[in-house]
Amino acid sequence: MRALTLVLALCLSASLLLPGCTFGVSGGFIFNDADQRRAIEIYKAALAKNPDDWMLHRRLGLAYFDLKDYVRAEQSLQTVQTLSPGEPESLLYLGLSRIGKGEREAGLKELLTYRWPGKFYHQKFVQEEAARLRNHPEEPAPEVIRDILEALKKGQREQLEMERDRLGGWR
């Protein structure tokens, strides 16, 4: 738990102290590759003390994903699935990592059946985009990954709208 607190404090401190700090593709803080690599080392050290912390494995996998190290991302995210079967964010990035490492059809096939319980639009838009992309084999992997992530963002917006409407138009 102390390691997780340290990681969160590091991220928060960096976001407050470094102008231009942004969220990475996978939602992790990124500054440059060196900073991402440092975060990976922090995650690894934390995992050495708590190897069954699936959330740390997910953060590690997402950091590797941000660095386009899809083989290591896949390994870390597969560990998440072992520790927390069906965890939706790691399932999404598992499929994307497979696409990134050249296993386009396997990755898209996984995303065709992607599930995020309670988040219908998240899964709907990802599934639809995966189906569309199967018909466009000429599209390079980085664009496929971008398109899937954009579909997820669109699904998140739709989900939020639907949830707001359920609450009587809360805005």
Protein backbone atom coordinates (compact mmCIF):
# COMPACT_ATOMS: atom_id res chain seq x y z
CA MET A 1 0.00 0.00 0.00
CA ARG A 2 2.89 2.38 0.74
CA ALA A 3 4.24 1.79 -2.76
CA LEU A 4 0.90 2.63 -4.33
CA THR A 5 0.71 5.78 -2.23
CA LEU A 6 4.20 6.71 -3.40
CA VAL A 7 3.25 6.21 -7.04
CA LEU A 8 0.09 8.28 -6.65
CA ALA A 9 2.00 11.03 -4.85
CA LEU A 10 4.63 11.01 -7.59
CA CYS A 11 1.98 11.39 -10.27
CA LEU A 12 0.11 14.12 -8.41
CA SER A 13 3.29 16.02 -7.60
CA ALA A 14 4.50 15.83 -11.16
CA SER A 15 1.18 17.02 -12.52
CA LEU A 16 1.25 20.04 -10.22
CA LEU A 17 4.93 20.92 -10.59
CA LEU A 18 5.62 20.30 -14.26
CA PRO A 19 3.90 22.56 -16.75
CA GLY A 20 2.74 20.70 -19.81
CA CYS A 21 2.17 17.45 -17.95
CA THR A 22 -0.58 15.57 -19.69
CA PHE A 23 -2.34 12.26 -19.49
CA GLY A 24 -1.02 9.58 -21.82
CA VAL A 25 -3.06 7.56 -24.24
CA SER A 26 -3.84 5.02 -21.55
CA GLY A 27 -4.65 7.63 -18.92
CA GLY A 28 -1.29 7.55 -17.16
CA PHE A 29 0.74 10.67 -16.63
CA ILE A 30 3.45 11.08 -19.23
CA PHE A 31 6.16 13.66 -19.60
CA ASN A 32 8.71 11.95 -21.83
CA ASP A 33 10.03 8.44 -22.32
CA ALA A 34 12.58 8.81 -19.51
CA ASP A 35 9.87 9.74 -17.03
CA GLN A 36 7.72 6.82 -18.20
CA ARG A 37 10.66 4.47 -17.75
CA ARG A 38 11.18 5.81 -14.23
CA ALA A 39 7.51 5.18 -13.46
CA ILE A 40 7.96 1.61 -14.72
CA GLU A 41 10.83 1.12 -12.30
CA ILE A 42 8.67 2.43 -9.45
CA TYR A 43 5.86 0.04 -10.40
CA LYS A 44 8.30 -2.87 -10.57
CA ALA A 45 9.71 -2.04 -7.14
CA ALA A 46 6.20 -1.86 -5.72
CA LEU A 47 5.31 -5.18 -7.34
CA ALA A 48 8.39 -6.81 -5.83
CA LYS A 49 6.79 -6.14 -2.45
CA ASN A 50 3.23 -6.90 -3.50
CA PRO A 51 3.24 -9.19 -6.56
CA ASP A 52 -0.51 -9.86 -6.44
CA ASP A 53 -1.58 -6.22 -6.76
CA TRP A 54 -3.48 -6.35 -10.04
CA MET A 55 -3.86 -2.58 -10.15
CA LEU A 56 -0.08 -2.12 -10.11
CA HIS A 57 0.26 -4.72 -12.88
CA ARG A 58 -2.31 -2.76 -14.88
CA ARG A 59 -0.46 0.54 -14.35
CA LEU A 60 2.77 -1.18 -15.43
CA GLY A 61 1.09 -2.58 -18.53
CA LEU A 62 -0.37 0.80 -19.45
CA ALA A 63 3.02 2.46 -18.99
CA TYR A 64 4.58 -0.10 -21.33
CA PHE A 65 1.71 0.51 -23.75
CA ASP A 66 2.38 4.27 -23.72
CA LEU A 67 6.01 3.48 -24.63
CA LYS A 68 4.79 1.19 -27.43
CA ASP A 69 6.46 -1.79 -25.76
CA TYR A 70 3.53 -3.99 -26.68
CA VAL A 71 5.16 -7.30 -25.75
CA ARG A 72 5.76 -6.22 -22.13
CA ALA A 73 2.40 -4.46 -22.02
CA GLU A 74 0.71 -7.69 -23.04
CA GLN A 75 2.60 -9.66 -20.38
CA SER A 76 1.62 -7.26 -17.60
CA LEU A 77 -1.98 -7.04 -18.74
CA GLN A 78 -2.21 -10.82 -18.98
CA THR A 79 -1.13 -10.95 -15.33
CA VAL A 80 -4.01 -8.60 -14.52
CA GLN A 81 -6.38 -11.07 -16.14
CA THR A 82 -4.92 -13.89 -14.06
CA LEU A 83 -5.35 -11.90 -10.84
CA SER A 84 -8.64 -10.18 -11.74
CA PRO A 85 -10.37 -12.07 -14.58
CA GLY A 86 -12.49 -9.90 -16.85
CA GLU A 87 -11.03 -6.57 -15.68
CA PRO A 88 -12.20 -4.41 -18.58
CA GLU A 89 -9.44 -1.83 -18.98
CA SER A 90 -6.73 -4.47 -19.16
CA LEU A 91 -8.82 -6.48 -21.64
CA LEU A 92 -9.06 -3.46 -23.92
CA TYR A 93 -5.33 -2.78 -23.79
CA LEU A 94 -4.53 -6.48 -24.23
CA GLY A 95 -6.32 -6.37 -27.57
CA LEU A 96 -4.63 -3.10 -28.51
CA SER A 97 -1.21 -4.46 -27.50
CA ARG A 98 -1.70 -7.46 -29.75
CA ILE A 99 -2.54 -5.14 -32.62
CA GLY A 100 0.53 -3.04 -31.83
CA LYS A 101 2.83 -6.05 -31.90
CA GLY A 102 1.51 -7.19 -35.27
CA GLU A 103 -1.25 -9.60 -34.28
CA ARG A 104 -3.98 -7.45 -35.79
CA GLU A 105 -6.58 -10.15 -36.41
CA ALA A 106 -6.21 -11.67 -32.93
CA GLY A 107 -6.47 -8.24 -31.31
CA LEU A 108 -9.51 -7.21 -33.32
CA LYS A 109 -11.17 -10.56 -32.66
CA GLU A 110 -10.81 -9.99 -28.92
CA LEU A 111 -12.20 -6.47 -29.24
CA LEU A 112 -15.22 -7.75 -31.20
CA THR A 113 -16.41 -9.40 -27.99
CA TYR A 114 -15.08 -6.77 -25.59
CA ARG A 115 -17.14 -6.39 -22.42
CA TRP A 116 -17.26 -3.65 -19.80
CA PRO A 117 -20.02 -4.55 -17.34
CA GLY A 118 -22.34 -1.65 -16.69
CA LYS A 119 -20.80 0.41 -19.49
CA PHE A 120 -22.85 -0.55 -22.54
CA TYR A 121 -21.65 2.28 -24.77
CA HIS A 122 -17.98 1.71 -23.95
CA GLN A 123 -18.21 -1.83 -25.25
CA LYS A 124 -20.65 -1.05 -28.09
CA PHE A 125 -18.42 1.56 -29.72
CA VAL A 126 -15.25 -0.52 -29.29
CA GLN A 127 -16.95 -3.59 -30.76
CA GLU A 128 -18.37 -1.65 -33.71
CA GLU A 129 -15.01 -0.04 -34.49
CA ALA A 130 -13.25 -3.41 -34.29
CA ALA A 131 -15.78 -4.82 -36.78
CA ARG A 132 -15.27 -1.86 -39.11
CA LEU A 133 -11.49 -2.17 -38.94
CA ARG A 134 -11.58 -5.86 -39.86
CA ASN A 135 -12.81 -4.69 -43.25
CA HIS A 136 -9.86 -2.31 -43.64
CA PRO A 137 -6.71 -4.45 -43.42
CA GLU A 138 -4.67 -1.71 -45.11
CA GLU A 139 -4.93 0.58 -42.08
CA PRO A 140 -1.61 0.57 -40.16
CA ALA A 141 -1.53 -0.61 -36.55
CA PRO A 142 -0.97 2.86 -35.00
CA GLU A 143 -4.09 4.14 -36.78
CA VAL A 144 -6.10 1.09 -35.73
CA ILE A 145 -5.10 1.68 -32.11
CA ARG A 146 -5.98 5.38 -32.40
CA ASP A 147 -9.36 4.56 -33.96
CA ILE A 148 -10.26 2.07 -31.22
CA LEU A 149 -9.29 4.55 -28.50
CA GLU A 150 -11.35 7.27 -30.20
CA ALA A 151 -14.29 4.86 -30.34
CA LEU A 152 -13.87 4.22 -26.61
CA LYS A 153 -13.89 7.97 -25.91
CA LYS A 154 -17.06 8.34 -27.98
CA GLY A 155 -18.62 5.49 -26.02
CA GLN A 156 -17.61 7.13 -22.75
CA ARG A 157 -19.29 10.37 -23.81
CA GLU A 158 -22.48 8.52 -24.81
CA GLN A 159 -22.44 6.57 -21.54
CA LEU A 160 -22.11 9.78 -19.55
CA GLU A 161 -25.00 11.37 -21.47
CA MET A 162 -27.19 8.32 -20.86
CA GLU A 163 -26.32 8.33 -17.16
CA ARG A 164 -27.06 12.06 -16.92
CA ASP A 165 -30.42 11.55 -18.63
CA ARG A 166 -31.27 8.80 -16.13
CA LEU A 167 -30.63 11.25 -13.33
CA GLY A 168 -33.15 13.69 -14.78
CA GLY A 169 -30.91 15.85 -16.89
CA TRP A 170 -28.20 16.47 -14.29
CA ARG A 171 -25.39 18.49 -15.83
